[in-house]
Protein backbone atom coordinates (compact mmCIF):
# COMPACT_ATOMS: atom_id res chain seq x y z
CA MET A 1 0.27 35.30 18.14
CA THR A 2 -0.57 33.31 15.05
CA ALA A 3 2.98 33.11 13.44
CA PHE A 4 4.64 32.15 16.97
CA TRP A 5 2.02 28.89 16.92
CA ARG A 6 2.59 28.16 13.39
CA ASP A 7 6.48 28.41 14.00
CA LEU A 8 6.09 26.23 17.17
CA VAL A 9 4.05 23.44 15.57
CA VAL A 10 6.49 23.46 12.22
CA SER A 11 9.00 23.24 14.15
CA ALA A 12 7.50 20.42 16.05
CA ILE A 13 6.72 18.61 13.27
CA ARG A 14 10.45 19.12 11.88
CA ASN A 15 11.72 17.75 15.20
CA MET A 16 9.80 14.54 14.62
CA THR A 17 10.72 13.90 11.10
CA ALA A 18 14.36 13.87 12.01
CA THR A 19 13.70 11.55 14.89
CA LEU A 20 11.78 9.41 12.82
CA GLY A 21 14.56 9.41 10.14
CA ALA A 22 16.76 8.58 12.88
CA VAL A 23 14.88 5.72 14.23
CA MET A 24 13.10 4.30 11.22
CA PRO A 25 16.15 2.12 10.05
CA SER A 26 16.71 0.27 13.36
CA ILE A 27 12.63 -0.53 13.47
CA LEU A 28 12.89 -1.94 10.10
CA ALA A 29 16.04 -3.86 10.77
CA MET A 30 14.43 -5.37 13.85
CA LEU A 31 11.40 -6.33 11.92
CA THR A 32 13.23 -7.88 9.12
CA LEU A 33 15.24 -10.05 11.80
CA VAL A 34 11.75 -10.79 13.52
CA ALA A 35 10.31 -12.02 10.37
CA LEU A 36 13.52 -13.97 9.28
CA GLY A 37 13.33 -15.91 12.45
CA ALA A 38 9.68 -16.81 12.41
CA VAL A 39 10.37 -18.31 8.58
CA LEU A 40 13.51 -19.88 9.80
CA GLY A 41 11.30 -21.56 13.06
CA TRP A 42 8.71 -22.54 10.69
CA LEU A 43 11.30 -24.49 8.55
CA ALA A 44 12.92 -26.02 11.37
CA ALA A 45 9.54 -27.24 12.75
CA ALA A 46 8.26 -28.65 9.63
CA LEU A 47 11.81 -30.75 9.05
CA LEU A 48 11.96 -31.74 12.52
CA THR A 49 7.93 -32.84 12.50
CA ARG A 50 8.88 -34.81 9.35
CA LEU A 51 11.97 -36.57 10.72
CA ALA A 52 10.20 -37.35 14.10
CA VAL A 53 6.93 -39.03 11.91
CA ALA A 54 9.90 -41.06 9.93
CA THR A 55 11.58 -42.28 12.80
CA ILE A 56 8.71 -43.43 14.95
CA SER A 57 7.64 -45.29 11.31
CA ILE A 58 10.70 -46.82 11.04
CA SER A 59 11.11 -47.95 14.70
CA VAL A 60 7.34 -49.35 15.05
CA ALA A 61 7.20 -51.15 11.66
CA GLY A 62 11.02 -51.78 11.29
CA PRO A 63 13.30 -50.94 8.68
CA GLY A 64 11.27 -51.66 5.18
CA ALA A 65 8.29 -52.95 6.57
CA SER A 66 5.06 -51.58 6.06
CA PRO A 67 4.27 -48.67 8.07
CA ARG A 68 0.67 -50.49 9.02
CA PRO A 69 0.90 -54.05 9.08
CA TRP A 70 -2.47 -54.37 10.65
CA PRO A 71 -5.77 -54.28 8.34
CA ALA A 72 -7.81 -51.06 7.88
CA PRO A 73 -10.36 -49.95 10.40
CA GLY A 74 -13.55 -51.41 8.89
CA SER A 75 -12.04 -54.19 7.10
CA THR A 76 -13.26 -57.57 7.31
CA ASP A 77 -9.99 -59.00 7.08
CA ARG A 78 -8.32 -59.42 10.27
CA ARG A 79 -5.23 -61.23 9.10
CA PRO A 80 -1.86 -58.85 8.96
CA ARG A 81 -0.62 -57.80 6.05
CA ARG A 82 2.52 -58.37 4.53
């Protein structure tokens, strides 16, 4: 009776390793694509944020102008900077 259970457990473990051997490459490929998508999404967000900030500062200040023509907060000088 003991040999029967031992053979049953060993065959179940062999079947499990065969199943994992067939499934693991697909899982690793999926995880690689998810990680690559996350990195590319982060890069796209960073580039678009920089582009949006640059576009807003150019449209508010005008091309070639200082991005902030008014005095700094707490400054006693109330004249615009040039």
